[in-house]
Amino acid sequence: MDNKELLSLYTTSGALLEGHFLLTSGRHSDKYFEKFKLLSQPEAVKSICTSIYNKFRKNDVDLVVGAATGGIILAYEIGKQLGTRGIFAERVNGELIFRRGFVLEKRQRVLLVDDVLTTGGSLFELIKVTESTGANIIGISVMFDRTGGEIEFDYPFHSVHSEKIKSWEQNNCPHCIQSVPITKRGSTGKK
């Protein structure tokens, strides 16, 4: 799946929204991606995950790990396509941890996945909790990179779509300055 096809999926699914939005990171933006409008469509998820599968299929992935919640769907489908398991880390009291009996083994070859990259906060947390297990991270992939490739990870990185989407701190937000009402969409439970 190329960038044009992914953007077409976002548009036709109603996932691409314009306005004044409060992002999970606390920043404000004039574009919001309602990822679950897309992630609720099995064929769209399969297509997105096939792009990630094609990038990492030769890397001998033992396990796919996602961050709750969008990363759960991606980890499951990519794991299915790779012929392995897909598990996830989730927030408890604001901290990303492995629960539900999910255990990573030392030297296990792990692919990390997430849905939308804005500041990298969730992925950096997922990297930290994964590294603490002794597992080997062989790569990171996201469905949508809002930074246009500006965030550096210490691992091979892949995004199905990458685009620089403007975002601002509240005190620099042009919509706040113009008193445009803000909308808060989904929440990951971050503090």
N, C-alpha and C. Protein backbone atom coordinates (compact mmCIF):
# COMPACT_ATOMS: atom_id res chain seq x y z
N MET A 1 0.85 -1.18 0.00
CA MET A 1 0.00 0.00 0.00
C MET A 1 0.89 1.23 0.00
N ASP A 2 0.64 2.14 -0.92
CA ASP A 2 1.43 3.36 -0.96
C ASP A 2 0.68 4.50 -0.25
N ASN A 3 1.36 5.65 -0.14
CA ASN A 3 0.80 6.79 0.57
C ASN A 3 -0.55 7.23 0.00
N LYS A 4 -0.67 7.24 -1.31
CA LYS A 4 -1.91 7.68 -1.94
C LYS A 4 -3.07 6.75 -1.59
N GLU A 5 -2.80 5.44 -1.60
CA GLU A 5 -3.83 4.47 -1.26
C GLU A 5 -4.26 4.61 0.21
N LEU A 6 -3.29 4.82 1.11
CA LEU A 6 -3.62 4.98 2.52
C LEU A 6 -4.45 6.24 2.74
N LEU A 7 -4.05 7.34 2.12
CA LEU A 7 -4.83 8.57 2.26
C LEU A 7 -6.23 8.41 1.70
N SER A 8 -6.36 7.66 0.63
CA SER A 8 -7.68 7.39 0.06
C SER A 8 -8.53 6.59 1.05
N LEU A 9 -7.91 5.61 1.72
CA LEU A 9 -8.64 4.84 2.74
C LEU A 9 -9.10 5.75 3.88
N TYR A 10 -8.21 6.66 4.32
CA TYR A 10 -8.58 7.59 5.39
C TYR A 10 -9.75 8.46 4.96
N THR A 11 -9.70 8.96 3.76
CA THR A 11 -10.75 9.85 3.27
C THR A 11 -12.08 9.12 3.12
N THR A 12 -12.06 7.97 2.45
CA THR A 12 -13.30 7.25 2.20
C THR A 12 -13.91 6.68 3.48
N SER A 13 -13.08 6.38 4.48
CA SER A 13 -13.60 5.84 5.74
C SER A 13 -14.09 6.94 6.68
N GLY A 14 -13.80 8.19 6.36
CA GLY A 14 -14.18 9.29 7.25
C GLY A 14 -13.20 9.47 8.39
N ALA A 15 -12.01 8.90 8.27
CA ALA A 15 -11.02 8.97 9.35
C ALA A 15 -10.25 10.29 9.37
N LEU A 16 -10.12 10.95 8.24
CA LEU A 16 -9.37 12.20 8.16
C LEU A 16 -10.30 13.37 8.49
N LEU A 17 -10.02 14.04 9.60
CA LEU A 17 -10.87 15.14 10.07
C LEU A 17 -10.08 16.44 10.09
N GLU A 18 -10.76 17.54 9.83
CA GLU A 18 -10.13 18.85 9.90
C GLU A 18 -10.89 19.71 10.89
N GLY A 19 -10.17 20.56 11.62
CA GLY A 19 -10.77 21.42 12.64
C GLY A 19 -9.72 21.88 13.63
N HIS A 20 -10.04 21.81 14.92
CA HIS A 20 -9.14 22.20 16.00
C HIS A 20 -9.18 21.09 17.03
N PHE A 21 -8.08 20.34 17.14
CA PHE A 21 -8.09 19.12 17.95
C PHE A 21 -7.00 19.13 19.01
N LEU A 22 -7.34 18.57 20.17
CA LEU A 22 -6.37 18.32 21.23
C LEU A 22 -5.87 16.90 21.04
N LEU A 23 -4.58 16.75 20.80
CA LEU A 23 -3.99 15.43 20.58
C LEU A 23 -3.63 14.79 21.92
N THR A 24 -3.43 13.48 21.91
CA THR A 24 -3.04 12.76 23.12
C THR A 24 -1.76 13.34 23.71
N SER A 25 -0.87 13.83 22.87
CA SER A 25 0.40 14.41 23.31
C SER A 25 0.21 15.72 24.06
N GLY A 26 -1.00 16.31 23.99
CA GLY A 26 -1.24 17.61 24.60
C GLY A 26 -1.11 18.75 23.59
N ARG A 27 -0.57 18.45 22.43
CA ARG A 27 -0.43 19.47 21.38
C ARG A 27 -1.77 19.66 20.67
N HIS A 28 -1.88 20.75 19.93
CA HIS A 28 -3.09 21.06 19.15
C HIS A 28 -2.76 20.91 17.67
N SER A 29 -3.77 20.53 16.89
CA SER A 29 -3.57 20.36 15.46
C SER A 29 -4.85 20.71 14.71
N ASP A 30 -4.70 21.02 13.42
CA ASP A 30 -5.87 21.29 12.59
C ASP A 30 -6.31 20.05 11.81
N LYS A 31 -5.56 18.94 11.97
CA LYS A 31 -5.93 17.67 11.34
C LYS A 31 -5.90 16.57 12.40
N TYR A 32 -6.85 15.68 12.30
CA TYR A 32 -6.92 14.57 13.23
C TYR A 32 -7.23 13.30 12.44
N PHE A 33 -6.60 12.22 12.82
CA PHE A 33 -6.84 10.95 12.17
C PHE A 33 -7.59 10.05 13.15
N GLU A 34 -8.86 9.85 12.89
CA GLU A 34 -9.70 8.98 13.72
C GLU A 34 -9.43 7.56 13.26
N LYS A 35 -8.32 7.03 13.75
CA LYS A 35 -7.78 5.76 13.28
C LYS A 35 -8.76 4.61 13.37
N PHE A 36 -9.65 4.62 14.36
CA PHE A 36 -10.56 3.49 14.51
C PHE A 36 -11.65 3.46 13.45
N LYS A 37 -11.88 4.55 12.77
CA LYS A 37 -12.77 4.53 11.60
C LYS A 37 -12.17 3.61 10.54
N LEU A 38 -10.84 3.60 10.47
CA LEU A 38 -10.13 2.75 9.52
C LEU A 38 -9.85 1.37 10.11
N LEU A 39 -9.41 1.33 11.38
CA LEU A 39 -9.04 0.07 12.00
C LEU A 39 -10.24 -0.84 12.27
N SER A 40 -11.44 -0.34 12.10
CA SER A 40 -12.63 -1.18 12.27
C SER A 40 -12.99 -1.91 10.98
N GLN A 41 -12.23 -1.67 9.92
CA GLN A 41 -12.50 -2.28 8.62
C GLN A 41 -11.46 -3.37 8.33
N PRO A 42 -11.83 -4.64 8.46
CA PRO A 42 -10.86 -5.73 8.32
C PRO A 42 -10.03 -5.71 7.04
N GLU A 43 -10.62 -5.40 5.91
CA GLU A 43 -9.85 -5.40 4.66
C GLU A 43 -8.84 -4.25 4.62
N ALA A 44 -9.20 -3.11 5.19
CA ALA A 44 -8.27 -1.99 5.26
C ALA A 44 -7.09 -2.34 6.17
N VAL A 45 -7.39 -2.95 7.31
CA VAL A 45 -6.34 -3.36 8.25
C VAL A 45 -5.41 -4.38 7.58
N LYS A 46 -5.99 -5.32 6.89
CA LYS A 46 -5.20 -6.34 6.19
C LYS A 46 -4.25 -5.68 5.19
N SER A 47 -4.74 -4.71 4.43
CA SER A 47 -3.90 -4.01 3.44
C SER A 47 -2.77 -3.24 4.10
N ILE A 48 -3.09 -2.50 5.15
CA ILE A 48 -2.07 -1.74 5.88
C ILE A 48 -1.00 -2.67 6.44
N CYS A 49 -1.45 -3.75 7.05
CA CYS A 49 -0.52 -4.70 7.67
C CYS A 49 0.30 -5.46 6.64
N THR A 50 -0.25 -5.67 5.46
CA THR A 50 0.52 -6.32 4.40
C THR A 50 1.72 -5.47 4.01
N SER A 51 1.55 -4.15 4.02
CA SER A 51 2.67 -3.25 3.74
C SER A 51 3.77 -3.43 4.79
N ILE A 52 3.38 -3.53 6.05
CA ILE A 52 4.36 -3.73 7.13
C ILE A 52 4.97 -5.13 7.03
N TYR A 53 4.15 -6.12 6.77
CA TYR A 53 4.63 -7.50 6.58
C TYR A 53 5.70 -7.55 5.49
N ASN A 54 5.43 -6.91 4.35
CA ASN A 54 6.39 -6.93 3.24
C ASN A 54 7.72 -6.31 3.63
N LYS A 55 7.70 -5.34 4.51
CA LYS A 55 8.95 -4.69 4.95
C LYS A 55 9.76 -5.60 5.88
N PHE A 56 9.08 -6.39 6.72
CA PHE A 56 9.79 -7.14 7.76
C PHE A 56 9.72 -8.67 7.61
N ARG A 57 9.15 -9.18 6.54
CA ARG A 57 8.95 -10.62 6.40
C ARG A 57 10.24 -11.42 6.35
N LYS A 58 11.35 -10.81 5.97
CA LYS A 58 12.63 -11.52 5.89
C LYS A 58 13.48 -11.33 7.15
N ASN A 59 12.90 -10.77 8.22
CA ASN A 59 13.67 -10.46 9.42
C ASN A 59 13.52 -11.49 10.55
N ASP A 60 12.95 -12.64 10.27
CA ASP A 60 12.78 -13.69 11.29
C ASP A 60 12.18 -13.15 12.58
N VAL A 61 11.02 -12.53 12.45
CA VAL A 61 10.32 -11.96 13.60
C VAL A 61 9.72 -13.10 14.43
N ASP A 62 10.03 -13.10 15.75
CA ASP A 62 9.47 -14.10 16.66
C ASP A 62 8.15 -13.63 17.27
N LEU A 63 8.01 -12.32 17.41
CA LEU A 63 6.85 -11.78 18.12
C LEU A 63 6.60 -10.35 17.66
N VAL A 64 5.33 -9.99 17.51
CA VAL A 64 4.95 -8.61 17.18
C VAL A 64 4.32 -8.02 18.43
N VAL A 65 4.78 -6.82 18.81
CA VAL A 65 4.30 -6.16 20.03
C VAL A 65 3.73 -4.80 19.67
N GLY A 66 2.49 -4.57 20.09
CA GLY A 66 1.84 -3.28 19.86
C GLY A 66 1.59 -2.56 21.17
N ALA A 67 1.27 -1.29 21.05
CA ALA A 67 0.87 -0.49 22.21
C ALA A 67 -0.65 -0.36 22.15
N ALA A 68 -1.31 -0.56 23.31
CA ALA A 68 -2.77 -0.43 23.35
C ALA A 68 -3.16 1.00 22.99
N THR A 69 -4.15 1.25 22.23
CA THR A 69 -5.14 0.32 21.75
C THR A 69 -5.01 0.02 20.26
N GLY A 70 -4.73 0.99 19.44
CA GLY A 70 -4.62 0.74 18.01
C GLY A 70 -3.55 -0.27 17.66
N GLY A 71 -2.49 -0.28 18.43
CA GLY A 71 -1.40 -1.22 18.19
C GLY A 71 -1.80 -2.67 18.41
N ILE A 72 -2.86 -2.90 19.18
CA ILE A 72 -3.34 -4.27 19.42
C ILE A 72 -3.81 -4.88 18.11
N ILE A 73 -4.61 -4.14 17.38
CA ILE A 73 -5.17 -4.62 16.12
C ILE A 73 -4.05 -4.88 15.12
N LEU A 74 -3.11 -3.94 15.02
CA LEU A 74 -2.00 -4.09 14.08
C LEU A 74 -1.11 -5.26 14.47
N ALA A 75 -0.79 -5.40 15.76
CA ALA A 75 0.08 -6.50 16.22
C ALA A 75 -0.56 -7.85 15.89
N TYR A 76 -1.86 -7.96 16.12
CA TYR A 76 -2.55 -9.22 15.83
C TYR A 76 -2.45 -9.57 14.33
N GLU A 77 -2.82 -8.61 13.47
CA GLU A 77 -2.86 -8.90 12.03
C GLU A 77 -1.46 -9.11 11.46
N ILE A 78 -0.49 -8.33 11.90
CA ILE A 78 0.88 -8.52 11.39
C ILE A 78 1.43 -9.85 11.89
N GLY A 79 1.16 -10.18 13.15
CA GLY A 79 1.56 -11.48 13.68
C GLY A 79 0.96 -12.61 12.87
N LYS A 80 -0.31 -12.48 12.54
CA LYS A 80 -1.00 -13.49 11.72
C LYS A 80 -0.31 -13.64 10.37
N GLN A 81 0.00 -12.51 9.73
CA GLN A 81 0.64 -12.57 8.41
C GLN A 81 2.06 -13.14 8.49
N LEU A 82 2.76 -12.89 9.60
CA LEU A 82 4.12 -13.39 9.77
C LEU A 82 4.15 -14.82 10.31
N GLY A 83 2.98 -15.33 10.69
CA GLY A 83 2.92 -16.68 11.24
C GLY A 83 3.42 -16.77 12.67
N THR A 84 3.23 -15.70 13.42
CA THR A 84 3.65 -15.68 14.82
C THR A 84 2.57 -15.01 15.67
N ARG A 85 2.87 -14.75 16.91
CA ARG A 85 1.89 -14.12 17.80
C ARG A 85 2.00 -12.60 17.75
N GLY A 86 0.90 -11.96 18.11
CA GLY A 86 0.86 -10.51 18.29
C GLY A 86 0.34 -10.22 19.68
N ILE A 87 1.13 -9.53 20.48
CA ILE A 87 0.73 -9.19 21.85
C ILE A 87 0.77 -7.68 22.02
N PHE A 88 0.46 -7.20 23.23
CA PHE A 88 0.46 -5.76 23.43
C PHE A 88 0.82 -5.39 24.87
N ALA A 89 1.27 -4.15 24.99
CA ALA A 89 1.48 -3.54 26.30
C ALA A 89 0.33 -2.56 26.50
N GLU A 90 -0.05 -2.35 27.74
CA GLU A 90 -1.17 -1.45 28.03
C GLU A 90 -0.85 -0.58 29.23
N ARG A 91 -1.62 0.48 29.36
CA ARG A 91 -1.39 1.42 30.46
C ARG A 91 -2.11 0.98 31.73
N VAL A 92 -1.35 1.02 32.82
CA VAL A 92 -1.89 0.81 34.15
C VAL A 92 -1.34 1.95 35.00
N ASN A 93 -2.24 2.75 35.54
CA ASN A 93 -1.85 3.93 36.31
C ASN A 93 -0.89 4.82 35.52
N GLY A 94 -1.15 4.96 34.20
CA GLY A 94 -0.37 5.83 33.35
C GLY A 94 0.94 5.26 32.84
N GLU A 95 1.26 4.02 33.25
CA GLU A 95 2.53 3.41 32.85
C GLU A 95 2.27 2.25 31.89
N LEU A 96 3.06 2.17 30.82
CA LEU A 96 2.93 1.10 29.83
C LEU A 96 3.62 -0.15 30.36
N ILE A 97 2.86 -1.26 30.46
CA ILE A 97 3.41 -2.51 30.98
C ILE A 97 2.84 -3.69 30.21
N PHE A 98 3.50 -4.85 30.37
CA PHE A 98 2.96 -6.10 29.85
C PHE A 98 2.14 -6.75 30.95
N ARG A 99 0.94 -7.17 30.61
CA ARG A 99 0.04 -7.85 31.55
C ARG A 99 -0.54 -9.07 30.85
N ARG A 100 -1.56 -9.65 31.46
CA ARG A 100 -2.34 -10.74 30.87
C ARG A 100 -1.50 -11.97 30.54
N GLY A 101 -0.39 -12.13 31.26
CA GLY A 101 0.47 -13.28 31.02
C GLY A 101 1.41 -13.13 29.85
N PHE A 102 1.48 -11.94 29.25
CA PHE A 102 2.40 -11.71 28.13
C PHE A 102 3.82 -11.61 28.66
N VAL A 103 4.70 -12.46 28.12
CA VAL A 103 6.10 -12.49 28.55
C VAL A 103 6.97 -12.47 27.30
N LEU A 104 7.99 -11.63 27.33
CA LEU A 104 8.98 -11.60 26.26
C LEU A 104 10.23 -12.30 26.77
N GLU A 105 10.84 -13.09 25.91
CA GLU A 105 12.02 -13.85 26.29
C GLU A 105 13.29 -13.13 25.85
N LYS A 106 14.37 -13.39 26.57
CA LYS A 106 15.66 -12.80 26.20
C LYS A 106 16.02 -13.23 24.79
N ARG A 107 16.53 -12.28 24.04
CA ARG A 107 16.99 -12.46 22.66
C ARG A 107 15.86 -12.79 21.67
N GLN A 108 14.63 -12.76 22.11
CA GLN A 108 13.50 -12.96 21.20
C GLN A 108 13.47 -11.80 20.21
N ARG A 109 13.27 -12.08 18.93
CA ARG A 109 13.28 -11.06 17.87
C ARG A 109 11.89 -10.44 17.77
N VAL A 110 11.81 -9.15 18.14
CA VAL A 110 10.53 -8.48 18.31
C VAL A 110 10.38 -7.31 17.34
N LEU A 111 9.21 -7.23 16.72
CA LEU A 111 8.84 -6.09 15.88
C LEU A 111 7.82 -5.28 16.68
N LEU A 112 8.09 -3.98 16.88
CA LEU A 112 7.17 -3.09 17.57
C LEU A 112 6.30 -2.38 16.55
N VAL A 113 5.00 -2.27 16.84
CA VAL A 113 4.08 -1.58 15.94
C VAL A 113 3.18 -0.64 16.72
N ASP A 114 2.79 0.44 16.06
CA ASP A 114 1.83 1.36 16.64
C ASP A 114 1.05 1.99 15.50
N ASP A 115 -0.02 2.68 15.85
CA ASP A 115 -0.90 3.23 14.83
C ASP A 115 -0.41 4.57 14.31
N VAL A 116 -0.48 5.62 15.13
CA VAL A 116 -0.13 6.97 14.69
C VAL A 116 1.03 7.51 15.53
N LEU A 117 2.05 8.03 14.85
CA LEU A 117 3.21 8.63 15.51
C LEU A 117 3.06 10.14 15.47
N THR A 118 3.04 10.77 16.66
CA THR A 118 2.96 12.24 16.75
C THR A 118 4.21 12.80 17.43
N THR A 119 4.49 12.35 18.66
CA THR A 119 5.69 12.81 19.37
C THR A 119 6.66 11.67 19.63
N GLY A 120 6.19 10.45 19.47
CA GLY A 120 7.02 9.27 19.73
C GLY A 120 6.94 8.78 21.17
N GLY A 121 6.19 9.47 22.01
CA GLY A 121 6.13 9.12 23.43
C GLY A 121 5.76 7.68 23.69
N SER A 122 4.68 7.21 23.08
CA SER A 122 4.24 5.83 23.31
C SER A 122 5.26 4.83 22.80
N LEU A 123 5.85 5.10 21.64
CA LEU A 123 6.86 4.18 21.11
C LEU A 123 8.11 4.15 21.96
N PHE A 124 8.56 5.30 22.46
CA PHE A 124 9.73 5.31 23.33
C PHE A 124 9.45 4.53 24.61
N GLU A 125 8.22 4.63 25.13
CA GLU A 125 7.84 3.83 26.30
C GLU A 125 7.82 2.35 25.96
N LEU A 126 7.29 2.01 24.78
CA LEU A 126 7.24 0.61 24.36
C LEU A 126 8.65 0.05 24.16
N ILE A 127 9.53 0.86 23.61
CA ILE A 127 10.93 0.45 23.46
C ILE A 127 11.53 0.15 24.83
N LYS A 128 11.33 1.05 25.78
CA LYS A 128 11.91 0.89 27.12
C LYS A 128 11.41 -0.38 27.80
N VAL A 129 10.09 -0.60 27.78
CA VAL A 129 9.55 -1.78 28.45
C VAL A 129 9.97 -3.06 27.74
N THR A 130 10.13 -3.02 26.43
CA THR A 130 10.59 -4.19 25.67
C THR A 130 12.07 -4.46 25.94
N GLU A 131 12.88 -3.42 25.92
CA GLU A 131 14.31 -3.59 26.20
C GLU A 131 14.54 -4.17 27.60
N SER A 132 13.69 -3.80 28.55
CA SER A 132 13.86 -4.27 29.93
C SER A 132 13.70 -5.78 30.05
N THR A 133 13.10 -6.43 29.05
CA THR A 133 12.91 -7.88 29.08
C THR A 133 14.10 -8.64 28.52
N GLY A 134 15.00 -7.93 27.82
CA GLY A 134 16.13 -8.59 27.18
C GLY A 134 15.83 -9.04 25.76
N ALA A 135 14.61 -8.79 25.30
CA ALA A 135 14.26 -9.14 23.92
C ALA A 135 15.00 -8.21 22.96
N ASN A 136 15.20 -8.66 21.73
CA ASN A 136 15.88 -7.88 20.70
C ASN A 136 14.86 -7.23 19.78
N ILE A 137 14.83 -5.92 19.75
CA ILE A 137 13.95 -5.19 18.85
C ILE A 137 14.61 -5.16 17.47
N ILE A 138 13.92 -5.72 16.50
CA ILE A 138 14.51 -5.76 15.14
C ILE A 138 13.97 -4.66 14.24
N GLY A 139 12.93 -3.97 14.70
CA GLY A 139 12.37 -2.88 13.91
C GLY A 139 11.13 -2.31 14.56
N ILE A 140 10.72 -1.16 14.03
CA ILE A 140 9.53 -0.45 14.49
C ILE A 140 8.75 -0.02 13.25
N SER A 141 7.43 -0.19 13.30
CA SER A 141 6.61 0.25 12.18
C SER A 141 5.34 0.91 12.69
N VAL A 142 4.92 1.95 11.97
CA VAL A 142 3.67 2.64 12.30
C VAL A 142 2.82 2.76 11.04
N MET A 143 1.53 2.88 11.28
CA MET A 143 0.59 3.05 10.18
C MET A 143 0.71 4.46 9.60
N PHE A 144 0.84 5.46 10.48
CA PHE A 144 0.86 6.85 10.03
C PHE A 144 1.84 7.66 10.86
N ASP A 145 2.81 8.28 10.22
CA ASP A 145 3.80 9.12 10.88
C ASP A 145 3.45 10.58 10.59
N ARG A 146 2.94 11.27 11.61
CA ARG A 146 2.54 12.68 11.48
C ARG A 146 3.74 13.63 11.45
N THR A 147 4.95 13.13 11.71
CA THR A 147 6.13 14.01 11.82
C THR A 147 6.88 14.16 10.51
N GLY A 148 6.51 13.39 9.51
CA GLY A 148 7.26 13.44 8.25
C GLY A 148 8.66 12.87 8.39
N GLY A 149 8.87 11.97 9.35
CA GLY A 149 10.18 11.33 9.52
C GLY A 149 11.13 12.07 10.43
N GLU A 150 10.65 13.01 11.22
CA GLU A 150 11.52 13.82 12.08
C GLU A 150 12.02 13.12 13.34
N ILE A 151 11.34 12.06 13.78
CA ILE A 151 11.74 11.40 15.02
C ILE A 151 12.70 10.26 14.71
N GLU A 152 13.80 10.23 15.45
CA GLU A 152 14.82 9.20 15.27
C GLU A 152 14.68 8.14 16.35
N PHE A 153 14.68 6.89 15.94
CA PHE A 153 14.71 5.76 16.86
C PHE A 153 16.04 5.05 16.65
N ASP A 154 16.48 4.28 17.61
CA ASP A 154 17.74 3.55 17.48
C ASP A 154 17.56 2.21 16.79
N TYR A 155 16.44 2.05 16.11
CA TYR A 155 16.12 0.80 15.43
C TYR A 155 15.59 1.12 14.04
N PRO A 156 15.66 0.15 13.12
CA PRO A 156 15.08 0.39 11.79
C PRO A 156 13.62 0.81 11.92
N PHE A 157 13.24 1.86 11.20
CA PHE A 157 11.90 2.42 11.32
C PHE A 157 11.21 2.45 9.96
N HIS A 158 9.92 2.12 9.97
CA HIS A 158 9.12 2.10 8.74
C HIS A 158 7.75 2.69 9.05
N SER A 159 7.25 3.50 8.13
CA SER A 159 5.86 3.97 8.25
C SER A 159 5.15 3.70 6.94
N VAL A 160 3.90 3.29 7.05
CA VAL A 160 3.11 3.05 5.84
C VAL A 160 2.86 4.38 5.13
N HIS A 161 2.61 5.44 5.93
CA HIS A 161 2.46 6.78 5.38
C HIS A 161 3.16 7.76 6.30
N SER A 162 3.87 8.72 5.72
CA SER A 162 4.56 9.75 6.49
C SER A 162 4.25 11.11 5.89
N GLU A 163 3.83 12.00 6.76
CA GLU A 163 3.45 13.35 6.33
C GLU A 163 3.66 14.31 7.50
N LYS A 164 4.24 15.45 7.23
CA LYS A 164 4.42 16.46 8.27
C LYS A 164 3.10 17.17 8.49
N ILE A 165 2.46 16.91 9.63
CA ILE A 165 1.21 17.55 10.01
C ILE A 165 1.53 18.56 11.10
N LYS A 166 1.14 19.79 10.89
CA LYS A 166 1.44 20.83 11.87
C LYS A 166 0.72 20.56 13.18
N SER A 167 1.43 20.86 14.26
CA SER A 167 0.83 20.83 15.59
C SER A 167 1.52 21.90 16.42
N TRP A 168 0.82 22.38 17.44
CA TRP A 168 1.32 23.49 18.23
C TRP A 168 1.09 23.24 19.72
N GLU A 169 1.93 23.86 20.53
CA GLU A 169 1.63 23.95 21.96
C GLU A 169 0.45 24.91 22.08
N GLN A 170 -0.32 24.78 23.15
CA GLN A 170 -1.53 25.58 23.31
C GLN A 170 -1.26 27.08 23.18
N ASN A 171 -0.18 27.55 23.79
CA ASN A 171 0.09 29.00 23.77
C ASN A 171 0.51 29.53 22.39
N ASN A 172 0.84 28.64 21.46
CA ASN A 172 1.22 29.06 20.10
C ASN A 172 0.19 28.63 19.05
N CYS A 173 -0.91 28.07 19.48
CA CYS A 173 -1.90 27.53 18.55
C CYS A 173 -2.71 28.66 17.91
N PRO A 174 -2.69 28.76 16.57
CA PRO A 174 -3.44 29.82 15.90
C PRO A 174 -4.95 29.71 16.12
N HIS A 175 -5.45 28.50 16.31
CA HIS A 175 -6.89 28.32 16.55
C HIS A 175 -7.28 28.80 17.95
N CYS A 176 -6.40 28.58 18.92
CA CYS A 176 -6.67 29.08 20.28
C CYS A 176 -6.65 30.61 20.29
N ILE A 177 -5.70 31.18 19.56
CA ILE A 177 -5.59 32.64 19.48
C ILE A 177 -6.87 33.23 18.89
N GLN A 178 -7.49 32.51 17.94
CA GLN A 178 -8.74 32.96 17.32
C GLN A 178 -9.98 32.47 18.07
N SER A 179 -9.79 31.85 19.23
CA SER A 179 -10.88 31.32 20.07
C SER A 179 -11.76 30.29 19.37
N VAL A 180 -11.17 29.49 18.49
CA VAL A 180 -11.89 28.41 17.84
C VAL A 180 -12.05 27.27 18.86
N PRO A 181 -13.28 26.78 19.08
CA PRO A 181 -13.48 25.70 20.05
C PRO A 181 -12.63 24.47 19.70
N ILE A 182 -12.14 23.81 20.73
CA ILE A 182 -11.28 22.64 20.54
C ILE A 182 -12.08 21.36 20.76
N THR A 183 -11.69 20.32 20.03
CA THR A 183 -12.32 19.01 20.15
C THR A 183 -11.28 18.04 20.65
N LYS A 184 -11.66 17.26 21.65
CA LYS A 184 -10.79 16.17 22.13
C LYS A 184 -11.42 14.87 21.71
N ARG A 185 -10.71 14.12 20.88
CA ARG A 185 -11.22 12.84 20.40
C ARG A 185 -10.81 11.74 21.36
N GLY A 186 -10.30 10.61 20.87
CA GLY A 186 -9.94 9.47 21.70
C GLY A 186 -8.83 9.79 22.68
N SER A 187 -8.62 8.88 23.63
CA SER A 187 -7.59 9.06 24.65
C SER A 187 -6.91 7.75 24.93
N THR A 188 -5.59 7.79 25.13
CA THR A 188 -4.83 6.58 25.41
C THR A 188 -4.67 6.33 26.90
N GLY A 189 -5.12 7.22 27.72
CA GLY A 189 -4.96 7.03 29.17
C GLY A 189 -3.65 7.56 29.69
N LYS A 190 -2.89 8.27 28.85
CA LYS A 190 -1.65 8.88 29.33
C LYS A 190 -1.98 9.96 30.34
N LYS A 191 -1.08 10.15 31.27
CA LYS A 191 -1.27 11.21 32.25
C LYS A 191 -0.70 12.50 31.75
